[in-house]
Amino acid sequence: MKEQDDITAKELYDTFRANKAEAEREYGRRMMKISGYAVYVGPDMFGLPCVELSEKKEGPGRAICLLSIGDYLKLRKISKGDEVIMEGEIRSLYDKGQTVVVKHSRIIERNTNSTF
């Protein structure tokens, strides 16, 4: 199978929703680039800096990209509605089935004007 370097937040979410076990085998613990619109920028429920990505500017969060605790200042580079490419280690679908968790994330690119 060809190695995939990047995926949209929606594609990743849909893959996990369709078959979580298969998606974990294919993507689990793998570093990938994930693209989408930033729909939330700030602390997660545990206080870690995060960026939630969706396929639409006002859409539901499909992937939550968690940054290192020391990366709060880097969040200032991103605003809600920006197109973003993040890179991180894909973990799994959050237990409630609403978003894919991506750890050890970092901001690769941000674009405020164009569309995917």
PDB file of N, CA and C in Angstrom:
ATOM      1  N   MET A   1       0.832  -1.183   0.000  1.00  0.00           N
ATOM      2  CA  MET A   1       0.000   0.000   0.000  1.00  0.00           C
ATOM      3  C   MET A   1       0.880   1.251   0.000  1.00  0.00           C
ATOM      4  N   LYS A   2       0.515   2.241  -0.781  1.00  0.00           N
ATOM      5  CA  LYS A   2       1.259   3.489  -0.886  1.00  0.00           C
ATOM      6  C   LYS A   2       1.149   4.287   0.418  1.00  0.00           C
ATOM      7  N   GLU A   3       2.275   4.806   0.862  1.00  0.00           N
ATOM      8  CA  GLU A   3       2.267   5.650   2.057  1.00  0.00           C
ATOM      9  C   GLU A   3       1.552   6.963   1.742  1.00  0.00           C
ATOM     10  N   GLN A   4       0.689   7.384   2.605  1.00  0.00           N
ATOM     11  CA  GLN A   4      -0.052   8.627   2.425  1.00  0.00           C
ATOM     12  C   GLN A   4       0.526   9.663   3.368  1.00  0.00           C
ATOM     13  N   ASP A   5       0.899  10.812   2.812  1.00  0.00           N
ATOM     14  CA  ASP A   5       1.522  11.860   3.615  1.00  0.00           C
ATOM     15  C   ASP A   5       0.517  12.803   4.233  1.00  0.00           C
ATOM     16  N   ASP A   6      -0.644  12.970   3.589  1.00  0.00           N
ATOM     17  CA  ASP A   6      -1.603  13.908   4.141  1.00  0.00           C
ATOM     18  C   ASP A   6      -3.036  13.473   3.857  1.00  0.00           C
ATOM     19  N   ILE A   7      -3.939  14.064   4.625  1.00  0.00           N
ATOM     20  CA  ILE A   7      -5.346  13.695   4.565  1.00  0.00           C
ATOM     21  C   ILE A   7      -6.147  14.885   5.084  1.00  0.00           C
ATOM     22  N   THR A   8      -7.380  15.020   4.641  1.00  0.00           N
ATOM     23  CA  THR A   8      -8.214  16.086   5.196  1.00  0.00           C
ATOM     24  C   THR A   8      -8.812  15.604   6.515  1.00  0.00           C
ATOM     25  N   ALA A   9      -9.192  16.544   7.341  1.00  0.00           N
ATOM     26  CA  ALA A   9      -9.816  16.202   8.624  1.00  0.00           C
ATOM     27  C   ALA A   9     -11.085  15.377   8.402  1.00  0.00           C
ATOM     28  N   LYS A  10     -11.865  15.721   7.388  1.00  0.00           N
ATOM     29  CA  LYS A  10     -13.108  15.009   7.088  1.00  0.00           C
ATOM     30  C   LYS A  10     -12.834  13.581   6.618  1.00  0.00           C
ATOM     31  N   GLU A  11     -11.848  13.387   5.737  1.00  0.00           N
ATOM     32  CA  GLU A  11     -11.496  12.040   5.275  1.00  0.00           C
ATOM     33  C   GLU A  11     -11.052  11.166   6.444  1.00  0.00           C
ATOM     34  N   LEU A  12     -10.244  11.740   7.325  1.00  0.00           N
ATOM     35  CA  LEU A  12      -9.763  10.999   8.487  1.00  0.00           C
ATOM     36  C   LEU A  12     -10.930  10.608   9.391  1.00  0.00           C
ATOM     37  N   TYR A  13     -11.793  11.558   9.672  1.00  0.00           N
ATOM     38  CA  TYR A  13     -12.962  11.314  10.514  1.00  0.00           C
ATOM     39  C   TYR A  13     -13.854  10.235   9.892  1.00  0.00           C
ATOM     40  N   ASP A  14     -14.155  10.370   8.601  1.00  0.00           N
ATOM     41  CA  ASP A  14     -15.026   9.398   7.928  1.00  0.00           C
ATOM     42  C   ASP A  14     -14.443   7.992   7.963  1.00  0.00           C
ATOM     43  N   THR A  15     -13.133   7.886   7.815  1.00  0.00           N
ATOM     44  CA  THR A  15     -12.472   6.582   7.858  1.00  0.00           C
ATOM     45  C   THR A  15     -12.630   5.942   9.234  1.00  0.00           C
ATOM     46  N   PHE A  16     -12.439   6.725  10.286  1.00  0.00           N
ATOM     47  CA  PHE A  16     -12.589   6.190  11.646  1.00  0.00           C
ATOM     48  C   PHE A  16     -14.043   5.854  11.960  1.00  0.00           C
ATOM     49  N   ARG A  17     -14.971   6.670  11.486  1.00  0.00           N
ATOM     50  CA  ARG A  17     -16.394   6.392  11.743  1.00  0.00           C
ATOM     51  C   ARG A  17     -16.847   5.123  11.019  1.00  0.00           C
ATOM     52  N   ALA A  18     -16.312   4.890   9.830  1.00  0.00           N
ATOM     53  CA  ALA A  18     -16.719   3.720   9.043  1.00  0.00           C
ATOM     54  C   ALA A  18     -16.234   2.420   9.662  1.00  0.00           C
ATOM     55  N   ASN A  19     -14.983   2.404  10.151  1.00  0.00           N
ATOM     56  CA  ASN A  19     -14.426   1.186  10.734  1.00  0.00           C
ATOM     57  C   ASN A  19     -13.248   1.572  11.623  1.00  0.00           C
ATOM     58  N   LYS A  20     -13.531   1.790  12.889  1.00  0.00           N
ATOM     59  CA  LYS A  20     -12.532   2.277  13.837  1.00  0.00           C
ATOM     60  C   LYS A  20     -11.324   1.343  13.935  1.00  0.00           C
ATOM     61  N   ALA A  21     -11.553   0.034  14.025  1.00  0.00           N
ATOM     62  CA  ALA A  21     -10.449  -0.927  14.171  1.00  0.00           C
ATOM     63  C   ALA A  21      -9.530  -0.899  12.948  1.00  0.00           C
ATOM     64  N   GLU A  22     -10.123  -0.874  11.767  1.00  0.00           N
ATOM     65  CA  GLU A  22      -9.323  -0.840  10.544  1.00  0.00           C
ATOM     66  C   GLU A  22      -8.557   0.479  10.434  1.00  0.00           C
ATOM     67  N   ALA A  23      -9.207   1.576  10.778  1.00  0.00           N
ATOM     68  CA  ALA A  23      -8.556   2.888  10.733  1.00  0.00           C
ATOM     69  C   ALA A  23      -7.399   2.960  11.719  1.00  0.00           C
ATOM     70  N   GLU A  24      -7.558   2.376  12.895  1.00  0.00           N
ATOM     71  CA  GLU A  24      -6.459   2.363  13.870  1.00  0.00           C
ATOM     72  C   GLU A  24      -5.273   1.571  13.345  1.00  0.00           C
ATOM     73  N   ARG A  25      -5.536   0.467  12.644  1.00  0.00           N
ATOM     74  CA  ARG A  25      -4.431  -0.312  12.061  1.00  0.00           C
ATOM     75  C   ARG A  25      -3.717   0.494  10.969  1.00  0.00           C
ATOM     76  N   GLU A  26      -4.487   1.205  10.157  1.00  0.00           N
ATOM     77  CA  GLU A  26      -3.901   1.937   9.039  1.00  0.00           C
ATOM     78  C   GLU A  26      -3.230   3.240   9.468  1.00  0.00           C
ATOM     79  N   TYR A  27      -3.862   3.979  10.364  1.00  0.00           N
ATOM     80  CA  TYR A  27      -3.385   5.314  10.714  1.00  0.00           C
ATOM     81  C   TYR A  27      -2.823   5.457  12.125  1.00  0.00           C
ATOM     82  N   GLY A  28      -3.172   4.561  13.025  1.00  0.00           N
ATOM     83  CA  GLY A  28      -2.804   4.699  14.429  1.00  0.00           C
ATOM     84  C   GLY A  28      -1.313   4.876  14.663  1.00  0.00           C
ATOM     85  N   ARG A  29      -0.986   5.890  15.440  1.00  0.00           N
ATOM     86  CA  ARG A  29       0.385   6.236  15.832  1.00  0.00           C
ATOM     87  C   ARG A  29       1.258   6.650  14.657  1.00  0.00           C
ATOM     88  N   ARG A  30       0.624   7.038  13.587  1.00  0.00           N
ATOM     89  CA  ARG A  30       1.342   7.456  12.384  1.00  0.00           C
ATOM     90  C   ARG A  30       1.354   8.983  12.302  1.00  0.00           C
ATOM     91  N   MET A  31       2.499   9.556  11.971  1.00  0.00           N
ATOM     92  CA  MET A  31       2.614  10.998  11.782  1.00  0.00           C
ATOM     93  C   MET A  31       2.093  11.340  10.395  1.00  0.00           C
ATOM     94  N   MET A  32       1.128  12.268  10.348  1.00  0.00           N
ATOM     95  CA  MET A  32       0.544  12.675   9.075  1.00  0.00           C
ATOM     96  C   MET A  32       0.233  14.162   9.095  1.00  0.00           C
ATOM     97  N   LYS A  33       0.069  14.708   7.907  1.00  0.00           N
ATOM     98  CA  LYS A  33      -0.401  16.079   7.758  1.00  0.00           C
ATOM     99  C   LYS A  33      -1.912  16.025   7.589  1.00  0.00           C
ATOM    100  N   ILE A  34      -2.595  16.873   8.337  1.00  0.00           N
ATOM    101  CA  ILE A  34      -4.061  16.921   8.311  1.00  0.00           C
ATOM    102  C   ILE A  34      -4.473  18.345   7.956  1.00  0.00           C
ATOM    103  N   SER A  35      -5.336  18.491   6.957  1.00  0.00           N
ATOM    104  CA  SER A  35      -5.775  19.823   6.542  1.00  0.00           C
ATOM    105  C   SER A  35      -7.247  20.030   6.851  1.00  0.00           C
ATOM    106  N   GLY A  36      -7.597  21.275   7.062  1.00  0.00           N
ATOM    107  CA  GLY A  36      -8.981  21.635   7.329  1.00  0.00           C
ATOM    108  C   GLY A  36      -9.079  23.093   7.746  1.00  0.00           C
ATOM    109  N   TYR A  37     -10.287  23.493   8.082  1.00  0.00           N
ATOM    110  CA  TYR A  37     -10.525  24.837   8.606  1.00  0.00           C
ATOM    111  C   TYR A  37     -10.474  24.792  10.130  1.00  0.00           C
ATOM    112  N   ALA A  38      -9.834  25.782  10.726  1.00  0.00           N
ATOM    113  CA  ALA A  38      -9.795  25.876  12.189  1.00  0.00           C
ATOM    114  C   ALA A  38     -11.175  26.328  12.676  1.00  0.00           C
ATOM    115  N   VAL A  39     -11.846  25.460  13.434  1.00  0.00           N
ATOM    116  CA  VAL A  39     -13.155  25.821  13.985  1.00  0.00           C
ATOM    117  C   VAL A  39     -13.067  26.110  15.484  1.00  0.00           C
ATOM    118  N   TYR A  40     -11.939  25.748  16.091  1.00  0.00           N
ATOM    119  CA  TYR A  40     -11.688  26.079  17.495  1.00  0.00           C
ATOM    120  C   TYR A  40     -10.184  26.161  17.680  1.00  0.00           C
ATOM    121  N   VAL A  41      -9.740  27.192  18.391  1.00  0.00           N
ATOM    122  CA  VAL A  41      -8.332  27.386  18.710  1.00  0.00           C
ATOM    123  C   VAL A  41      -8.273  27.773  20.181  1.00  0.00           C
ATOM    124  N   GLY A  42      -7.590  26.988  20.989  1.00  0.00           N
ATOM    125  CA  GLY A  42      -7.501  27.298  22.412  1.00  0.00           C
ATOM    126  C   GLY A  42      -7.211  26.062  23.223  1.00  0.00           C
ATOM    127  N   PRO A  43      -7.533  26.102  24.508  1.00  0.00           N
ATOM    128  CA  PRO A  43      -7.276  24.925  25.353  1.00  0.00           C
ATOM    129  C   PRO A  43      -8.339  23.843  25.140  1.00  0.00           C
ATOM    130  N   ASP A  44      -7.909  22.584  25.238  1.00  0.00           N
ATOM    131  CA  ASP A  44      -8.877  21.484  25.220  1.00  0.00           C
ATOM    132  C   ASP A  44      -9.434  21.326  26.631  1.00  0.00           C
ATOM    133  N   MET A  45     -10.214  20.278  26.870  1.00  0.00           N
ATOM    134  CA  MET A  45     -10.838  20.115  28.191  1.00  0.00           C
ATOM    135  C   MET A  45      -9.827  19.825  29.293  1.00  0.00           C
ATOM    136  N   PHE A  46      -8.565  19.493  28.922  1.00  0.00           N
ATOM    137  CA  PHE A  46      -7.526  19.249  29.919  1.00  0.00           C
ATOM    138  C   PHE A  46      -6.549  20.417  30.013  1.00  0.00           C
ATOM    139  N   GLY A  47      -6.822  21.488  29.270  1.00  0.00           N
ATOM    140  CA  GLY A  47      -5.973  22.669  29.312  1.00  0.00           C
ATOM    141  C   GLY A  47      -4.815  22.658  28.329  1.00  0.00           C
ATOM    142  N   LEU A  48      -4.760  21.672  27.439  1.00  0.00           N
ATOM    143  CA  LEU A  48      -3.689  21.615  26.450  1.00  0.00           C
ATOM    144  C   LEU A  48      -4.044  22.485  25.245  1.00  0.00           C
ATOM    145  N   PRO A  49      -3.044  23.105  24.624  1.00  0.00           N
ATOM    146  CA  PRO A  49      -3.338  23.902  23.425  1.00  0.00           C
ATOM    147  C   PRO A  49      -3.777  22.988  22.289  1.00  0.00           C
ATOM    148  N   CYS A  50      -4.829  23.396  21.584  1.00  0.00           N
ATOM    149  CA  CYS A  50      -5.328  22.552  20.504  1.00  0.00           C
ATOM    150  C   CYS A  50      -5.935  23.390  19.389  1.00  0.00           C
ATOM    151  N   VAL A  51      -6.021  22.749  18.230  1.00  0.00           N
ATOM    152  CA  VAL A  51      -6.708  23.307  17.073  1.00  0.00           C
ATOM    153  C   VAL A  51      -7.652  22.229  16.583  1.00  0.00           C
ATOM    154  N   GLU A  52      -8.943  22.556  16.508  1.00  0.00           N
ATOM    155  CA  GLU A  52      -9.921  21.608  15.953  1.00  0.00           C
ATOM    156  C   GLU A  52     -10.135  21.953  14.496  1.00  0.00           C
ATOM    157  N   LEU A  53     -10.095  20.914  13.649  1.00  0.00           N
ATOM    158  CA  LEU A  53     -10.244  21.096  12.215  1.00  0.00           C
ATOM    159  C   LEU A  53     -11.548  20.504  11.713  1.00  0.00           C
ATOM    160  N   SER A  54     -12.122  21.161  10.698  1.00  0.00           N
ATOM    161  CA  SER A  54     -13.347  20.707  10.044  1.00  0.00           C
ATOM    162  C   SER A  54     -13.204  20.912   8.545  1.00  0.00           C
ATOM    163  N   GLU A  55     -14.166  20.400   7.788  1.00  0.00           N
ATOM    164  CA  GLU A  55     -14.160  20.602   6.339  1.00  0.00           C
ATOM    165  C   GLU A  55     -14.813  21.926   5.947  1.00  0.00           C
ATOM    166  N   LYS A  56     -15.491  22.584   6.900  1.00  0.00           N
ATOM    167  CA  LYS A  56     -16.165  23.855   6.650  1.00  0.00           C
ATOM    168  C   LYS A  56     -15.751  24.860   7.713  1.00  0.00           C
ATOM    169  N   LYS A  57     -15.826  26.150   7.364  1.00  0.00           N
ATOM    170  CA  LYS A  57     -15.439  27.194   8.320  1.00  0.00           C
ATOM    171  C   LYS A  57     -16.281  27.172   9.591  1.00  0.00           C
ATOM    172  N   GLU A  58     -17.525  26.809   9.488  1.00  0.00           N
ATOM    173  CA  GLU A  58     -18.400  26.755  10.663  1.00  0.00           C
ATOM    174  C   GLU A  58     -18.838  25.325  10.964  1.00  0.00           C
ATOM    175  N   GLY A  59     -18.118  24.349  10.445  1.00  0.00           N
ATOM    176  CA  GLY A  59     -18.501  22.947  10.592  1.00  0.00           C
ATOM    177  C   GLY A  59     -18.135  22.359  11.939  1.00  0.00           C
ATOM    178  N   PRO A  60     -18.560  21.127  12.172  1.00  0.00           N
ATOM    179  CA  PRO A  60     -18.210  20.434  13.410  1.00  0.00           C
ATOM    180  C   PRO A  60     -16.745  20.014  13.399  1.00  0.00           C
ATOM    181  N   GLY A  61     -16.116  19.992  14.559  1.00  0.00           N
ATOM    182  CA  GLY A  61     -14.736  19.535  14.661  1.00  0.00           C
ATOM    183  C   GLY A  61     -14.623  18.077  14.261  1.00  0.00           C
ATOM    184  N   ARG A  62     -13.721  17.780  13.343  1.00  0.00           N
ATOM    185  CA  ARG A  62     -13.507  16.407  12.869  1.00  0.00           C
ATOM    186  C   ARG A  62     -12.214  15.824  13.425  1.00  0.00           C
ATOM    187  N   ALA A  63     -11.218  16.685  13.654  1.00  0.00           N
ATOM    188  CA  ALA A  63      -9.941  16.242  14.218  1.00  0.00           C
ATOM    189  C   ALA A  63      -9.495  17.280  15.229  1.00  0.00           C
ATOM    190  N   ILE A  64      -9.084  16.821  16.398  1.00  0.00           N
ATOM    191  CA  ILE A  64      -8.552  17.723  17.416  1.00  0.00           C
ATOM    192  C   ILE A  64      -7.052  17.492  17.496  1.00  0.00           C
ATOM    193  N   CYS A  65      -6.299  18.516  17.118  1.00  0.00           N
ATOM    194  CA  CYS A  65      -4.844  18.436  17.081  1.00  0.00           C
ATOM    195  C   CYS A  65      -4.284  19.063  18.352  1.00  0.00           C
ATOM    196  N   LEU A  66      -3.676  18.240  19.184  1.00  0.00           N
ATOM    197  CA  LEU A  66      -3.154  18.680  20.473  1.00  0.00           C
ATOM    198  C   LEU A  66      -1.675  19.011  20.350  1.00  0.00           C
ATOM    199  N   LEU A  67      -1.320  20.222  20.762  1.00  0.00           N
ATOM    200  CA  LEU A  67       0.060  20.673  20.729  1.00  0.00           C
ATOM    201  C   LEU A  67       0.698  20.451  22.099  1.00  0.00           C
ATOM    202  N   SER A  68       2.001  20.622  22.172  1.00  0.00           N
ATOM    203  CA  SER A  68       2.704  20.528  23.449  1.00  0.00           C
ATOM    204  C   SER A  68       2.299  21.685  24.346  1.00  0.00           C
ATOM    205  N   ILE A  69       2.328  21.477  25.642  1.00  0.00           N
ATOM    206  CA  ILE A  69       1.898  22.481  26.606  1.00  0.00           C
ATOM    207  C   ILE A  69       2.656  23.802  26.417  1.00  0.00           C
ATOM    208  N   GLY A  70       3.902  23.750  25.976  1.00  0.00           N
ATOM    209  CA  GLY A  70       4.700  24.950  25.773  1.00  0.00           C
ATOM    210  C   GLY A  70       4.400  25.686  24.474  1.00  0.00           C
ATOM    211  N   ASP A  71       3.443  25.198  23.698  1.00  0.00           N
ATOM    212  CA  ASP A  71       3.156  25.781  22.386  1.00  0.00           C
ATOM    213  C   ASP A  71       1.962  26.728  22.370  1.00  0.00           C
ATOM    214  N   TYR A  72       1.518  27.207  23.527  1.00  0.00           N
ATOM    215  CA  TYR A  72       0.363  28.106  23.555  1.00  0.00           C
ATOM    216  C   TYR A  72       0.576  29.350  22.690  1.00  0.00           C
ATOM    217  N   LEU A  73       1.758  29.917  22.713  1.00  0.00           N
ATOM    218  CA  LEU A  73       2.012  31.136  21.930  1.00  0.00           C
ATOM    219  C   LEU A  73       1.874  30.877  20.434  1.00  0.00           C
ATOM    220  N   LYS A  74       2.142  29.662  19.995  1.00  0.00           N
ATOM    221  CA  LYS A  74       2.013  29.339  18.571  1.00  0.00           C
ATOM    222  C   LYS A  74       0.558  29.388  18.114  1.00  0.00           C
ATOM    223  N   LEU A  75      -0.378  29.238  19.043  1.00  0.00           N
ATOM    224  CA  LEU A  75      -1.793  29.313  18.681  1.00  0.00           C
ATOM    225  C   LEU A  75      -2.176  30.701  18.183  1.00  0.00           C
ATOM    226  N   ARG A  76      -1.399  31.712  18.550  1.00  0.00           N
ATOM    227  CA  ARG A  76      -1.706  33.079  18.107  1.00  0.00           C
ATOM    228  C   ARG A  76      -1.575  33.227  16.598  1.00  0.00           C
ATOM    229  N   LYS A  77      -0.899  32.289  15.943  1.00  0.00           N
ATOM    230  CA  LYS A  77      -0.734  32.335  14.494  1.00  0.00           C
ATOM    231  C   LYS A  77      -2.008  31.918  13.763  1.00  0.00           C
ATOM    232  N   ILE A  78      -2.944  31.305  14.466  1.00  0.00           N
ATOM    233  CA  ILE A  78      -4.139  30.751  13.838  1.00  0.00           C
ATOM    234  C   ILE A  78      -5.387  31.423  14.397  1.00  0.00           C
ATOM    235  N   SER A  79      -6.297  31.753  13.493  1.00  0.00           N
ATOM    236  CA  SER A  79      -7.600  32.292  13.884  1.00  0.00           C
ATOM    237  C   SER A  79      -8.689  31.342  13.407  1.00  0.00           C
ATOM    238  N   LYS A  80      -9.811  31.380  14.087  1.00  0.00           N
ATOM    239  CA  LYS A  80     -10.955  30.588  13.670  1.00  0.00           C
ATOM    240  C   LYS A  80     -11.294  30.946  12.219  1.00  0.00           C
ATOM    241  N   GLY A  81     -11.517  29.935  11.396  1.00  0.00           N
ATOM    242  CA  GLY A  81     -11.838  30.143   9.985  1.00  0.00           C
ATOM    243  C   GLY A  81     -10.647  30.029   9.050  1.00  0.00           C
ATOM    244  N   ASP A  82      -9.430  30.062   9.581  1.00  0.00           N
ATOM    245  CA  ASP A  82      -8.232  29.895   8.753  1.00  0.00           C
ATOM    246  C   ASP A  82      -8.146  28.474   8.216  1.00  0.00           C
ATOM    247  N   GLU A  83      -7.641  28.336   7.000  1.00  0.00           N
ATOM    248  CA  GLU A  83      -7.285  27.020   6.489  1.00  0.00           C
ATOM    249  C   GLU A  83      -5.933  26.663   7.095  1.00  0.00           C
ATOM    250  N   VAL A  84      -5.825  25.453   7.599  1.00  0.00           N
ATOM    251  CA  VAL A  84      -4.627  25.070   8.332  1.00  0.00           C
ATOM    252  C   VAL A  84      -4.182  23.682   7.898  1.00  0.00           C
ATOM    253  N   ILE A  85      -2.882  23.497   7.868  1.00  0.00           N
ATOM    254  CA  ILE A  85      -2.315  22.157   7.744  1.00  0.00           C
ATOM    255  C   ILE A  85      -1.541  21.917   9.030  1.00  0.00           C
ATOM    256  N   MET A  86      -1.924  20.873   9.719  1.00  0.00           N
ATOM    257  CA  MET A  86      -1.261  20.472  10.956  1.00  0.00           C
ATOM    258  C   MET A  86      -0.553  19.146  10.689  1.00  0.00           C
ATOM    259  N   GLU A  87       0.457  18.849  11.479  1.00  0.00           N
ATOM    260  CA  GLU A  87       1.087  17.538  11.418  1.00  0.00           C
ATOM    261  C   GLU A  87       1.063  16.965  12.821  1.00  0.00           C
ATOM    262  N   GLY A  88       0.711  15.705  12.941  1.00  0.00           N
ATOM    263  CA  GLY A  88       0.666  15.096  14.252  1.00  0.00           C
ATOM    264  C   GLY A  88       0.522  13.593  14.173  1.00  0.00           C
ATOM    265  N   GLU A  89       0.561  12.986  15.344  1.00  0.00           N
ATOM    266  CA  GLU A  89       0.458  11.527  15.471  1.00  0.00           C
ATOM    267  C   GLU A  89      -1.006  11.149  15.673  1.00  0.00           C
ATOM    268  N   ILE A  90      -1.557  10.455  14.714  1.00  0.00           N
ATOM    269  CA  ILE A  90      -2.959  10.069  14.777  1.00  0.00           C
ATOM    270  C   ILE A  90      -3.126   8.983  15.820  1.00  0.00           C
ATOM    271  N   ARG A  91      -4.103   9.187  16.692  1.00  0.00           N
ATOM    272  CA  ARG A  91      -4.355   8.211  17.744  1.00  0.00           C
ATOM    273  C   ARG A  91      -5.619   7.412  17.447  1.00  0.00           C
ATOM    274  N   SER A  92      -6.778   7.968  17.735  1.00  0.00           N
ATOM    275  CA  SER A  92      -8.012   7.211  17.541  1.00  0.00           C
ATOM    276  C   SER A  92      -9.203   8.152  17.574  1.00  0.00           C
ATOM    277  N   LEU A  93     -10.356   7.581  17.348  1.00  0.00           N
ATOM    278  CA  LEU A  93     -11.606   8.317  17.471  1.00  0.00           C
ATOM    279  C   LEU A  93     -11.887   8.474  18.960  1.00  0.00           C
ATOM    280  N   TYR A  94     -12.185   9.688  19.377  1.00  0.00           N
ATOM    281  CA  TYR A  94     -12.535   9.946  20.769  1.00  0.00           C
ATOM    282  C   TYR A  94     -13.721   9.060  21.139  1.00  0.00           C
ATOM    283  N   ASP A  95     -13.755   8.556  22.350  1.00  0.00           N
ATOM    284  CA  ASP A  95     -14.764   7.592  22.797  1.00  0.00           C
ATOM    285  C   ASP A  95     -16.193   7.965  22.434  1.00  0.00           C
ATOM    286  N   LYS A  96     -16.510   9.214  22.467  1.00  0.00           N
ATOM    287  CA  LYS A  96     -17.866   9.628  22.146  1.00  0.00           C
ATOM    288  C   LYS A  96     -18.107   9.642  20.635  1.00  0.00           C
ATOM    289  N   GLY A  97     -17.061   9.345  19.837  1.00  0.00           N
ATOM    290  CA  GLY A  97     -17.204   9.206  18.402  1.00  0.00           C
ATOM    291  C   GLY A  97     -17.384  10.483  17.628  1.00  0.00           C
ATOM    292  N   GLN A  98     -17.002  11.599  18.213  1.00  0.00           N
ATOM    293  CA  GLN A  98     -17.248  12.879  17.565  1.00  0.00           C
ATOM    294  C   GLN A  98     -16.034  13.494  16.877  1.00  0.00           C
ATOM    295  N   THR A  99     -14.839  13.073  17.231  1.00  0.00           N
ATOM    296  CA  THR A  99     -13.635  13.679  16.662  1.00  0.00           C
ATOM    297  C   THR A  99     -12.456  12.711  16.766  1.00  0.00           C
ATOM    298  N   VAL A 100     -11.511  12.854  15.851  1.00  0.00           N
ATOM    299  CA  VAL A 100     -10.294  12.046  15.868  1.00  0.00           C
ATOM    300  C   VAL A 100      -9.228  12.809  16.653  1.00  0.00           C
ATOM    301  N   VAL A 101      -8.556  12.118  17.561  1.00  0.00           N
ATOM    302  CA  VAL A 101      -7.520  12.728  18.387  1.00  0.00           C
ATOM    303  C   VAL A 101      -6.168  12.595  17.678  1.00  0.00           C
ATOM    304  N   VAL A 102      -5.467  13.732  17.572  1.00  0.00           N
ATOM    305  CA  VAL A 102      -4.146  13.785  16.951  1.00  0.00           C
ATOM    306  C   VAL A 102      -3.200  14.434  17.965  1.00  0.00           C
ATOM    307  N   LYS A 103      -2.220  13.676  18.430  1.00  0.00           N
ATOM    308  CA  LYS A 103      -1.298  14.191  19.456  1.00  0.00           C
ATOM    309  C   LYS A 103       0.033  14.617  18.845  1.00  0.00           C
ATOM    310  N   HIS A 104       0.835  15.287  19.661  1.00  0.00           N
ATOM    311  CA  HIS A 104       2.170  15.759  19.256  1.00  0.00           C
ATOM    312  C   HIS A 104       2.085  16.578  17.967  1.00  0.00           C
ATOM    313  N   SER A 105       1.078  17.439  17.899  1.00  0.00           N
ATOM    314  CA  SER A 105       0.826  18.210  16.679  1.00  0.00           C
ATOM    315  C   SER A 105       1.672  19.468  16.610  1.00  0.00           C
ATOM    316  N   ARG A 106       1.836  19.919  15.378  1.00  0.00           N
ATOM    317  CA  ARG A 106       2.505  21.193  15.135  1.00  0.00           C
ATOM    318  C   ARG A 106       1.867  21.835  13.910  1.00  0.00           C
ATOM    319  N   ILE A 107       1.947  23.149  13.868  1.00  0.00           N
ATOM    320  CA  ILE A 107       1.381  23.905  12.766  1.00  0.00           C
ATOM    321  C   ILE A 107       2.360  23.873  11.601  1.00  0.00           C
ATOM    322  N   ILE A 108       1.882  23.421  10.438  1.00  0.00           N
ATOM    323  CA  ILE A 108       2.719  23.384   9.237  1.00  0.00           C
ATOM    324  C   ILE A 108       2.474  24.623   8.377  1.00  0.00           C
ATOM    325  N   GLU A 109       1.197  24.927   8.152  1.00  0.00           N
ATOM    326  CA  GLU A 109       0.861  26.028   7.259  1.00  0.00           C
ATOM    327  C   GLU A 109      -0.492  26.603   7.626  1.00  0.00           C
ATOM    328  N   ARG A 110      -0.661  27.888   7.367  1.00  0.00           N
ATOM    329  CA  ARG A 110      -1.938  28.563   7.602  1.00  0.00           C
ATOM    330  C   ARG A 110      -2.200  29.459   6.417  1.00  0.00           C
ATOM    331  N   ASN A 111      -3.453  29.499   5.971  1.00  0.00           N
ATOM    332  CA  ASN A 111      -3.827  30.331   4.846  1.00  0.00           C
ATOM    333  C   ASN A 111      -5.175  30.958   5.169  1.00  0.00           C
ATOM    334  N   THR A 112      -5.244  32.255   5.154  1.00  0.00           N
ATOM    335  CA  THR A 112      -6.487  32.945   5.536  1.00  0.00           C
ATOM    336  C   THR A 112      -7.396  33.233   4.351  1.00  0.00           C
ATOM    337  N   ASN A 113      -6.931  33.058   3.108  1.00  0.00           N
ATOM    338  CA  ASN A 113      -7.737  33.478   1.968  1.00  0.00           C
ATOM    339  C   ASN A 113      -8.215  32.390   1.011  1.00  0.00           C
ATOM    340  N   SER A 114      -7.416  31.367   0.743  1.00  0.00           N
ATOM    341  CA  SER A 114      -7.799  30.401  -0.286  1.00  0.00           C
ATOM    342  C   SER A 114      -8.663  29.277   0.289  1.00  0.00           C
ATOM    343  N   THR A 115      -9.135  28.420  -0.608  1.00  0.00           N
ATOM    344  CA  THR A 115      -9.953  27.293  -0.178  1.00  0.00           C
ATOM    345  C   THR A 115      -9.289  25.999  -0.582  1.00  0.00           C
ATOM    346  N   PHE A 116      -9.628  24.915   0.092  1.00  0.00           N
ATOM    347  CA  PHE A 116      -9.060  23.604  -0.236  1.00  0.00           C
ATOM    348  C   PHE A 116      -9.667  23.087  -1.504  1.00  0.00           C
TER     349      PHE A 116
END
